[in-house]
């Protein structure tokens, strides 16, 4: 992908050791519940809504969350939501 921004941010743990965080995964996680178009906007891909590569990338993140049982897809609503496990994680990590 040729994106105009960095998808990985380096942060430091409490011991000062650096590690990387995929900021797109964080944006996708925090945007739930939402449909794919809204998730793309929330994850700062508003200029890439019709780009199949970006859509597949974000869907890959959502499927990863689904495999971890923190998100699920509701086909009747065309919407991705957090599971109860995902909601607890978000509350613990982000406070909302």
PDB file of N, CA and C in Angstrom:
ATOM      1  N   UNK A   1       0.830  -1.181   0.000  1.00  0.00           N
ATOM      2  CA  UNK A   1       0.000   0.000   0.000  1.00  0.00           C
ATOM      3  C   UNK A   1       0.874   1.245   0.000  1.00  0.00           C
ATOM      4  N   UNK A   2       0.420   2.234  -0.667  1.00  0.00           N
ATOM      5  CA  UNK A   2       1.131   3.492  -0.725  1.00  0.00           C
ATOM      6  C   UNK A   2       0.287   4.543  -0.013  1.00  0.00           C
ATOM      7  N   UNK A   3       0.469   4.658   1.286  1.00  0.00           N
ATOM      8  CA  UNK A   3      -0.329   5.578   2.091  1.00  0.00           C
ATOM      9  C   UNK A   3       0.492   6.806   2.461  1.00  0.00           C
ATOM     10  N   UNK A   4      -0.145   7.949   2.601  1.00  0.00           N
ATOM     11  CA  UNK A   4       0.582   9.182   2.899  1.00  0.00           C
ATOM     12  C   UNK A   4       0.860   9.390   4.385  1.00  0.00           C
ATOM     13  N   UNK A   5       0.789   8.345   5.186  1.00  0.00           N
ATOM     14  CA  UNK A   5       1.041   8.485   6.616  1.00  0.00           C
ATOM     15  C   UNK A   5       1.561   7.174   7.171  1.00  0.00           C
ATOM     16  N   UNK A   6       2.122   7.231   8.360  1.00  0.00           N
ATOM     17  CA  UNK A   6       2.718   6.070   9.003  1.00  0.00           C
ATOM     18  C   UNK A   6       1.642   5.307   9.771  1.00  0.00           C
ATOM     19  N   UNK A   7       1.567   4.004   9.560  1.00  0.00           N
ATOM     20  CA  UNK A   7       0.577   3.185  10.249  1.00  0.00           C
ATOM     21  C   UNK A   7       1.066   2.670  11.597  1.00  0.00           C
ATOM     22  N   UNK A   8       2.341   2.863  11.893  1.00  0.00           N
ATOM     23  CA  UNK A   8       2.910   2.327  13.124  1.00  0.00           C
ATOM     24  C   UNK A   8       3.499   3.468  13.945  1.00  0.00           C
ATOM     25  N   UNK A   9       3.205   3.443  15.218  1.00  0.00           N
ATOM     26  CA  UNK A   9       3.708   4.456  16.126  1.00  0.00           C
ATOM     27  C   UNK A   9       4.583   3.767  17.163  1.00  0.00           C
ATOM     28  N   UNK A  10       5.721   4.352  17.474  1.00  0.00           N
ATOM     29  CA  UNK A  10       6.583   3.807  18.519  1.00  0.00           C
ATOM     30  C   UNK A  10       6.240   4.500  19.827  1.00  0.00           C
ATOM     31  N   UNK A  11       5.975   3.698  20.848  1.00  0.00           N
ATOM     32  CA  UNK A  11       5.678   4.216  22.175  1.00  0.00           C
ATOM     33  C   UNK A  11       6.603   3.513  23.161  1.00  0.00           C
ATOM     34  N   UNK A  12       6.573   3.947  24.405  1.00  0.00           N
ATOM     35  CA  UNK A  12       7.456   3.361  25.420  1.00  0.00           C
ATOM     36  C   UNK A  12       6.623   2.811  26.561  1.00  0.00           C
ATOM     37  N   UNK A  13       7.044   1.656  27.072  1.00  0.00           N
ATOM     38  CA  UNK A  13       6.333   1.064  28.199  1.00  0.00           C
ATOM     39  C   UNK A  13       6.785   1.735  29.487  1.00  0.00           C
ATOM     40  N   UNK A  14       6.274   1.269  30.624  1.00  0.00           N
ATOM     41  CA  UNK A  14       6.581   1.903  31.901  1.00  0.00           C
ATOM     42  C   UNK A  14       8.058   1.804  32.268  1.00  0.00           C
ATOM     43  N   UNK A  15       8.770   0.855  31.656  1.00  0.00           N
ATOM     44  CA  UNK A  15      10.203   0.711  31.905  1.00  0.00           C
ATOM     45  C   UNK A  15      11.041   1.467  30.886  1.00  0.00           C
ATOM     46  N   UNK A  16      10.379   2.223  30.015  1.00  0.00           N
ATOM     47  CA  UNK A  16      11.087   3.002  29.019  1.00  0.00           C
ATOM     48  C   UNK A  16      11.481   2.234  27.774  1.00  0.00           C
ATOM     49  N   UNK A  17      11.042   0.977  27.649  1.00  0.00           N
ATOM     50  CA  UNK A  17      11.379   0.166  26.491  1.00  0.00           C
ATOM     51  C   UNK A  17      10.428   0.490  25.336  1.00  0.00           C
ATOM     52  N   UNK A  18      10.980   0.715  24.140  1.00  0.00           N
ATOM     53  CA  UNK A  18      10.116   1.041  23.008  1.00  0.00           C
ATOM     54  C   UNK A  18       9.390  -0.187  22.457  1.00  0.00           C
ATOM     55  N   UNK A  19       8.179   0.020  21.987  1.00  0.00           N
ATOM     56  CA  UNK A  19       7.450  -1.003  21.247  1.00  0.00           C
ATOM     57  C   UNK A  19       6.539  -0.294  20.262  1.00  0.00           C
ATOM     58  N   UNK A  20       6.072  -1.027  19.275  1.00  0.00           N
ATOM     59  CA  UNK A  20       5.258  -0.401  18.233  1.00  0.00           C
ATOM     60  C   UNK A  20       3.788  -0.744  18.406  1.00  0.00           C
ATOM     61  N   UNK A  21       2.954   0.189  18.027  1.00  0.00           N
ATOM     62  CA  UNK A  21       1.513   0.025  18.060  1.00  0.00           C
ATOM     63  C   UNK A  21       0.996   0.356  16.669  1.00  0.00           C
ATOM     64  N   UNK A  22       0.167  -0.505  16.135  1.00  0.00           N
ATOM     65  CA  UNK A  22      -0.462  -0.222  14.854  1.00  0.00           C
ATOM     66  C   UNK A  22      -1.611   0.730  15.117  1.00  0.00           C
ATOM     67  N   UNK A  23      -1.424   1.979  14.747  1.00  0.00           N
ATOM     68  CA  UNK A  23      -2.439   2.993  15.049  1.00  0.00           C
ATOM     69  C   UNK A  23      -3.730   2.752  14.284  1.00  0.00           C
ATOM     70  N   UNK A  24      -3.649   2.117  13.130  1.00  0.00           N
ATOM     71  CA  UNK A  24      -4.867   1.822  12.377  1.00  0.00           C
ATOM     72  C   UNK A  24      -5.723   0.811  13.124  1.00  0.00           C
ATOM     73  N   UNK A  25      -5.097  -0.222  13.717  1.00  0.00           N
ATOM     74  CA  UNK A  25      -5.863  -1.190  14.500  1.00  0.00           C
ATOM     75  C   UNK A  25      -6.563  -0.501  15.664  1.00  0.00           C
ATOM     76  N   UNK A  26      -5.891   0.426  16.298  1.00  0.00           N
ATOM     77  CA  UNK A  26      -6.499   1.173  17.402  1.00  0.00           C
ATOM     78  C   UNK A  26      -7.684   1.992  16.907  1.00  0.00           C
ATOM     79  N   UNK A  27      -7.509   2.683  15.781  1.00  0.00           N
ATOM     80  CA  UNK A  27      -8.604   3.484  15.218  1.00  0.00           C
ATOM     81  C   UNK A  27      -9.804   2.616  14.848  1.00  0.00           C
ATOM     82  N   UNK A  28      -9.539   1.453  14.254  1.00  0.00           N
ATOM     83  CA  UNK A  28     -10.625   0.539  13.874  1.00  0.00           C
ATOM     84  C   UNK A  28     -11.336   0.033  15.130  1.00  0.00           C
ATOM     85  N   UNK A  29     -10.583  -0.385  16.114  1.00  0.00           N
ATOM     86  CA  UNK A  29     -11.150  -0.903  17.364  1.00  0.00           C
ATOM     87  C   UNK A  29     -12.036   0.148  18.029  1.00  0.00           C
ATOM     88  N   UNK A  30     -11.558   1.387  18.089  1.00  0.00           N
ATOM     89  CA  UNK A  30     -12.307   2.451  18.761  1.00  0.00           C
ATOM     90  C   UNK A  30     -13.513   2.924  17.964  1.00  0.00           C
ATOM     91  N   UNK A  31     -13.571   2.616  16.678  1.00  0.00           N
ATOM     92  CA  UNK A  31     -14.696   3.074  15.868  1.00  0.00           C
ATOM     93  C   UNK A  31     -15.920   2.170  15.980  1.00  0.00           C
ATOM     94  N   UNK A  32     -15.757   0.984  16.556  1.00  0.00           N
ATOM     95  CA  UNK A  32     -16.888   0.051  16.648  1.00  0.00           C
ATOM     96  C   UNK A  32     -17.868   0.485  17.713  1.00  0.00           C
ATOM     97  N   UNK A  33     -19.164   0.320  17.484  1.00  0.00           N
ATOM     98  CA  UNK A  33     -19.845  -0.333  16.370  1.00  0.00           C
ATOM     99  C   UNK A  33     -20.000   0.617  15.185  1.00  0.00           C
ATOM    100  N   UNK A  34     -19.855   0.063  13.992  1.00  0.00           N
ATOM    101  CA  UNK A  34     -20.013   0.855  12.771  1.00  0.00           C
ATOM    102  C   UNK A  34     -19.981  -0.064  11.551  1.00  0.00           C
ATOM    103  N   UNK A  35     -20.458   0.475  10.422  1.00  0.00           N
ATOM    104  CA  UNK A  35     -20.320  -0.271   9.176  1.00  0.00           C
ATOM    105  C   UNK A  35     -18.942   0.042   8.574  1.00  0.00           C
ATOM    106  N   UNK A  36     -18.569  -0.666   7.534  1.00  0.00           N
ATOM    107  CA  UNK A  36     -17.231  -0.532   6.977  1.00  0.00           C
ATOM    108  C   UNK A  36     -16.934   0.893   6.525  1.00  0.00           C
ATOM    109  N   UNK A  37     -17.882   1.555   5.880  1.00  0.00           N
ATOM    110  CA  UNK A  37     -17.641   2.924   5.406  1.00  0.00           C
ATOM    111  C   UNK A  37     -17.337   3.870   6.571  1.00  0.00           C
ATOM    112  N   UNK A  38     -18.073   3.733   7.665  1.00  0.00           N
ATOM    113  CA  UNK A  38     -17.825   4.592   8.824  1.00  0.00           C
ATOM    114  C   UNK A  38     -16.492   4.246   9.475  1.00  0.00           C
ATOM    115  N   UNK A  39     -16.167   2.971   9.532  1.00  0.00           N
ATOM    116  CA  UNK A  39     -14.880   2.555  10.097  1.00  0.00           C
ATOM    117  C   UNK A  39     -13.737   3.160   9.282  1.00  0.00           C
ATOM    118  N   UNK A  40     -13.859   3.112   7.954  1.00  0.00           N
ATOM    119  CA  UNK A  40     -12.823   3.698   7.098  1.00  0.00           C
ATOM    120  C   UNK A  40     -12.660   5.192   7.382  1.00  0.00           C
ATOM    121  N   UNK A  41     -13.772   5.882   7.561  1.00  0.00           N
ATOM    122  CA  UNK A  41     -13.696   7.323   7.882  1.00  0.00           C
ATOM    123  C   UNK A  41     -13.040   7.534   9.247  1.00  0.00           C
ATOM    124  N   UNK A  42     -13.464   6.774  10.241  1.00  0.00           N
ATOM    125  CA  UNK A  42     -12.922   6.917  11.591  1.00  0.00           C
ATOM    126  C   UNK A  42     -11.438   6.571  11.657  1.00  0.00           C
ATOM    127  N   UNK A  43     -10.997   5.677  10.788  1.00  0.00           N
ATOM    128  CA  UNK A  43      -9.590   5.264  10.756  1.00  0.00           C
ATOM    129  C   UNK A  43      -8.773   6.140   9.808  1.00  0.00           C
ATOM    130  N   UNK A  44      -9.333   7.271   9.421  1.00  0.00           N
ATOM    131  CA  UNK A  44      -8.642   8.275   8.594  1.00  0.00           C
ATOM    132  C   UNK A  44      -8.384   7.809   7.169  1.00  0.00           C
ATOM    133  N   UNK A  45      -9.263   6.969   6.645  1.00  0.00           N
ATOM    134  CA  UNK A  45      -9.174   6.516   5.263  1.00  0.00           C
ATOM    135  C   UNK A  45     -10.275   7.144   4.401  1.00  0.00           C
ATOM    136  N   UNK A  46     -10.765   8.321   4.783  1.00  0.00           N
ATOM    137  CA  UNK A  46     -11.869   8.926   4.044  1.00  0.00           C
ATOM    138  C   UNK A  46     -11.530   9.189   2.576  1.00  0.00           C
ATOM    139  N   UNK A  47     -10.258   9.325   2.257  1.00  0.00           N
ATOM    140  CA  UNK A  47      -9.862   9.535   0.859  1.00  0.00           C
ATOM    141  C   UNK A  47      -9.666   8.226   0.106  1.00  0.00           C
ATOM    142  N   UNK A  48      -9.893   7.102   0.793  1.00  0.00           N
ATOM    143  CA  UNK A  48      -9.644   5.786   0.208  1.00  0.00           C
ATOM    144  C   UNK A  48     -10.870   4.881   0.271  1.00  0.00           C
ATOM    145  N   UNK A  49     -12.064   5.452   0.405  1.00  0.00           N
ATOM    146  CA  UNK A  49     -13.280   4.660   0.601  1.00  0.00           C
ATOM    147  C   UNK A  49     -13.518   3.655  -0.515  1.00  0.00           C
ATOM    148  N   UNK A  50     -13.115   3.976  -1.727  1.00  0.00           N
ATOM    149  CA  UNK A  50     -13.353   3.087  -2.863  1.00  0.00           C
ATOM    150  C   UNK A  50     -12.119   2.301  -3.272  1.00  0.00           C
ATOM    151  N   UNK A  51     -11.073   2.345  -2.464  1.00  0.00           N
ATOM    152  CA  UNK A  51      -9.826   1.637  -2.772  1.00  0.00           C
ATOM    153  C   UNK A  51      -9.936   0.201  -2.260  1.00  0.00           C
ATOM    154  N   UNK A  52      -9.969  -0.788  -3.168  1.00  0.00           N
ATOM    155  CA  UNK A  52     -10.146  -2.178  -2.730  1.00  0.00           C
ATOM    156  C   UNK A  52      -9.021  -2.672  -1.827  1.00  0.00           C
ATOM    157  N   UNK A  53      -7.809  -2.185  -2.030  1.00  0.00           N
ATOM    158  CA  UNK A  53      -6.685  -2.618  -1.194  1.00  0.00           C
ATOM    159  C   UNK A  53      -6.858  -2.146   0.251  1.00  0.00           C
ATOM    160  N   UNK A  54      -7.300  -0.909   0.418  1.00  0.00           N
ATOM    161  CA  UNK A  54      -7.544  -0.368   1.760  1.00  0.00           C
ATOM    162  C   UNK A  54      -8.726  -1.086   2.407  1.00  0.00           C
ATOM    163  N   UNK A  55      -9.777  -1.313   1.641  1.00  0.00           N
ATOM    164  CA  UNK A  55     -10.936  -2.044   2.171  1.00  0.00           C
ATOM    165  C   UNK A  55     -10.523  -3.423   2.666  1.00  0.00           C
ATOM    166  N   UNK A  56      -9.710  -4.128   1.893  1.00  0.00           N
ATOM    167  CA  UNK A  56      -9.247  -5.464   2.288  1.00  0.00           C
ATOM    168  C   UNK A  56      -8.358  -5.393   3.526  1.00  0.00           C
ATOM    169  N   UNK A  57      -7.518  -4.362   3.590  1.00  0.00           N
ATOM    170  CA  UNK A  57      -6.643  -4.178   4.757  1.00  0.00           C
ATOM    171  C   UNK A  57      -7.477  -4.016   6.030  1.00  0.00           C
ATOM    172  N   UNK A  58      -8.476  -3.136   5.991  1.00  0.00           N
ATOM    173  CA  UNK A  58      -9.322  -2.892   7.161  1.00  0.00           C
ATOM    174  C   UNK A  58     -10.182  -4.118   7.469  1.00  0.00           C
ATOM    175  N   UNK A  59     -10.703  -4.779   6.444  1.00  0.00           N
ATOM    176  CA  UNK A  59     -11.456  -6.020   6.683  1.00  0.00           C
ATOM    177  C   UNK A  59     -10.569  -7.083   7.326  1.00  0.00           C
ATOM    178  N   UNK A  60      -9.298  -7.114   6.940  1.00  0.00           N
ATOM    179  CA  UNK A  60      -8.354  -8.045   7.571  1.00  0.00           C
ATOM    180  C   UNK A  60      -8.205  -7.777   9.059  1.00  0.00           C
ATOM    181  N   UNK A  61      -8.157  -6.496   9.426  1.00  0.00           N
ATOM    182  CA  UNK A  61      -8.094  -6.123  10.841  1.00  0.00           C
ATOM    183  C   UNK A  61      -9.365  -6.574  11.555  1.00  0.00           C
ATOM    184  N   UNK A  62     -10.514  -6.329  10.930  1.00  0.00           N
ATOM    185  CA  UNK A  62     -11.785  -6.724  11.541  1.00  0.00           C
ATOM    186  C   UNK A  62     -11.876  -8.242  11.699  1.00  0.00           C
ATOM    187  N   UNK A  63     -11.409  -8.986  10.716  1.00  0.00           N
ATOM    188  CA  UNK A  63     -11.421 -10.454  10.831  1.00  0.00           C
ATOM    189  C   UNK A  63     -10.453 -10.933  11.899  1.00  0.00           C
ATOM    190  N   UNK A  64      -9.349 -10.230  12.056  1.00  0.00           N
ATOM    191  CA  UNK A  64      -8.418 -10.556  13.149  1.00  0.00           C
ATOM    192  C   UNK A  64      -9.112 -10.350  14.491  1.00  0.00           C
ATOM    193  N   UNK A  65      -9.823  -9.219  14.639  1.00  0.00           N
ATOM    194  CA  UNK A  65     -10.575  -8.971  15.867  1.00  0.00           C
ATOM    195  C   UNK A  65     -11.631 -10.052  16.082  1.00  0.00           C
ATOM    196  N   UNK A  66     -12.280 -10.470  14.994  1.00  0.00           N
ATOM    197  CA  UNK A  66     -13.306 -11.513  15.082  1.00  0.00           C
ATOM    198  C   UNK A  66     -12.683 -12.826  15.561  1.00  0.00           C
ATOM    199  N   UNK A  67     -11.502 -13.157  15.053  1.00  0.00           N
ATOM    200  CA  UNK A  67     -10.841 -14.402  15.457  1.00  0.00           C
ATOM    201  C   UNK A  67     -10.409 -14.364  16.925  1.00  0.00           C
ATOM    202  N   UNK A  68     -10.214 -13.161  17.459  1.00  0.00           N
ATOM    203  CA  UNK A  68      -9.863 -12.992  18.867  1.00  0.00           C
ATOM    204  C   UNK A  68     -11.092 -12.869  19.758  1.00  0.00           C
ATOM    205  N   UNK A  69     -12.278 -12.970  19.150  1.00  0.00           N
ATOM    206  CA  UNK A  69     -13.558 -12.868  19.846  1.00  0.00           C
ATOM    207  C   UNK A  69     -13.741 -11.516  20.538  1.00  0.00           C
ATOM    208  N   UNK A  70     -13.237 -10.456  19.887  1.00  0.00           N
ATOM    209  CA  UNK A  70     -13.473  -9.123  20.442  1.00  0.00           C
ATOM    210  C   UNK A  70     -14.389  -8.299  19.546  1.00  0.00           C
ATOM    211  N   UNK A  71     -14.701  -8.827  18.361  1.00  0.00           N
ATOM    212  CA  UNK A  71     -15.637  -8.148  17.455  1.00  0.00           C
ATOM    213  C   UNK A  71     -16.420  -9.196  16.676  1.00  0.00           C
ATOM    214  N   UNK A  72     -17.588  -8.795  16.207  1.00  0.00           N
ATOM    215  CA  UNK A  72     -18.371  -9.683  15.354  1.00  0.00           C
ATOM    216  C   UNK A  72     -19.116  -8.859  14.312  1.00  0.00           C
ATOM    217  N   UNK A  73     -19.421  -9.530  13.209  1.00  0.00           N
ATOM    218  CA  UNK A  73     -20.136  -8.895  12.105  1.00  0.00           C
ATOM    219  C   UNK A  73     -21.597  -9.286  12.168  1.00  0.00           C
ATOM    220  N   UNK A  74     -22.475  -8.302  12.058  1.00  0.00           N
ATOM    221  CA  UNK A  74     -23.913  -8.534  12.027  1.00  0.00           C
ATOM    222  C   UNK A  74     -24.393  -8.310  10.596  1.00  0.00           C
ATOM    223  N   UNK A  75     -24.543  -9.377   9.803  1.00  0.00           N
ATOM    224  CA  UNK A  75     -24.899  -9.204   8.395  1.00  0.00           C
ATOM    225  C   UNK A  75     -26.245  -8.534   8.174  1.00  0.00           C
ATOM    226  N   UNK A  76     -27.205  -8.756   9.061  1.00  0.00           N
ATOM    227  CA  UNK A  76     -28.526  -8.132   8.895  1.00  0.00           C
ATOM    228  C   UNK A  76     -28.444  -6.609   8.977  1.00  0.00           C
ATOM    229  N   UNK A  77     -27.496  -6.116   9.755  1.00  0.00           N
ATOM    230  CA  UNK A  77     -27.321  -4.671   9.924  1.00  0.00           C
ATOM    231  C   UNK A  77     -26.138  -4.131   9.120  1.00  0.00           C
ATOM    232  N   UNK A  78     -25.375  -5.037   8.482  1.00  0.00           N
ATOM    233  CA  UNK A  78     -24.159  -4.648   7.767  1.00  0.00           C
ATOM    234  C   UNK A  78     -23.254  -3.830   8.685  1.00  0.00           C
ATOM    235  N   UNK A  79     -23.042  -4.345   9.896  1.00  0.00           N
ATOM    236  CA  UNK A  79     -22.362  -3.589  10.937  1.00  0.00           C
ATOM    237  C   UNK A  79     -21.416  -4.487  11.722  1.00  0.00           C
ATOM    238  N   UNK A  80     -20.279  -3.940  12.101  1.00  0.00           N
ATOM    239  CA  UNK A  80     -19.342  -4.607  12.998  1.00  0.00           C
ATOM    240  C   UNK A  80     -19.544  -4.046  14.401  1.00  0.00           C
ATOM    241  N   UNK A  81     -19.558  -4.934  15.394  1.00  0.00           N
ATOM    242  CA  UNK A  81     -19.744  -4.510  16.782  1.00  0.00           C
ATOM    243  C   UNK A  81     -18.683  -5.172  17.654  1.00  0.00           C
ATOM    244  N   UNK A  82     -18.498  -4.629  18.836  1.00  0.00           N
ATOM    245  CA  UNK A  82     -17.637  -5.272  19.823  1.00  0.00           C
ATOM    246  C   UNK A  82     -18.433  -6.354  20.537  1.00  0.00           C
ATOM    247  N   UNK A  83     -17.782  -7.458  20.839  1.00  0.00           N
ATOM    248  CA  UNK A  83     -18.396  -8.468  21.689  1.00  0.00           C
ATOM    249  C   UNK A  83     -18.306  -7.985  23.129  1.00  0.00           C
ATOM    250  N   UNK A  84     -18.859  -8.721  24.050  1.00  0.00           N
ATOM    251  CA  UNK A  84     -18.743  -8.325  25.455  1.00  0.00           C
ATOM    252  C   UNK A  84     -17.275  -8.299  25.880  1.00  0.00           C
ATOM    253  N   UNK A  85     -16.492  -9.235  25.381  1.00  0.00           N
ATOM    254  CA  UNK A  85     -15.049  -9.248  25.669  1.00  0.00           C
ATOM    255  C   UNK A  85     -14.378  -7.998  25.106  1.00  0.00           C
ATOM    256  N   UNK A  86     -14.724  -7.622  23.879  1.00  0.00           N
ATOM    257  CA  UNK A  86     -14.167  -6.418  23.262  1.00  0.00           C
ATOM    258  C   UNK A  86     -14.572  -5.155  23.994  1.00  0.00           C
ATOM    259  N   UNK A  87     -15.812  -5.107  24.445  1.00  0.00           N
ATOM    260  CA  UNK A  87     -16.286  -3.942  25.200  1.00  0.00           C
ATOM    261  C   UNK A  87     -15.538  -3.794  26.518  1.00  0.00           C
ATOM    262  N   UNK A  88     -15.302  -4.914  27.192  1.00  0.00           N
ATOM    263  CA  UNK A  88     -14.523  -4.877  28.433  1.00  0.00           C
ATOM    264  C   UNK A  88     -13.099  -4.417  28.172  1.00  0.00           C
ATOM    265  N   UNK A  89     -12.511  -4.916  27.082  1.00  0.00           N
ATOM    266  CA  UNK A  89     -11.150  -4.495  26.735  1.00  0.00           C
ATOM    267  C   UNK A  89     -11.096  -2.992  26.492  1.00  0.00           C
ATOM    268  N   UNK A  90     -12.042  -2.482  25.712  1.00  0.00           N
ATOM    269  CA  UNK A  90     -12.024  -1.044  25.404  1.00  0.00           C
ATOM    270  C   UNK A  90     -12.184  -0.226  26.683  1.00  0.00           C
ATOM    271  N   UNK A  91     -13.069  -0.659  27.557  1.00  0.00           N
ATOM    272  CA  UNK A  91     -13.268   0.056  28.825  1.00  0.00           C
ATOM    273  C   UNK A  91     -11.985   0.071  29.643  1.00  0.00           C
ATOM    274  N   UNK A  92     -11.302  -1.064  29.715  1.00  0.00           N
ATOM    275  CA  UNK A  92     -10.062  -1.159  30.492  1.00  0.00           C
ATOM    276  C   UNK A  92      -8.933  -0.348  29.878  1.00  0.00           C
ATOM    277  N   UNK A  93      -8.832  -0.373  28.560  1.00  0.00           N
ATOM    278  CA  UNK A  93      -7.712   0.280  27.875  1.00  0.00           C
ATOM    279  C   UNK A  93      -7.959   1.770  27.674  1.00  0.00           C
ATOM    280  N   UNK A  94      -9.145   2.120  27.207  1.00  0.00           N
ATOM    281  CA  UNK A  94      -9.418   3.506  26.797  1.00  0.00           C
ATOM    282  C   UNK A  94     -10.376   4.243  27.724  1.00  0.00           C
ATOM    283  N   UNK A  95     -11.048   3.534  28.617  1.00  0.00           N
ATOM    284  CA  UNK A  95     -11.937   4.180  29.563  1.00  0.00           C
ATOM    285  C   UNK A  95     -13.289   4.577  29.016  1.00  0.00           C
ATOM    286  N   UNK A  96     -13.691   4.012  27.857  1.00  0.00           N
ATOM    287  CA  UNK A  96     -15.038   4.299  27.333  1.00  0.00           C
ATOM    288  C   UNK A  96     -15.627   3.069  26.708  1.00  0.00           C
TER     289      UNK A  96
END
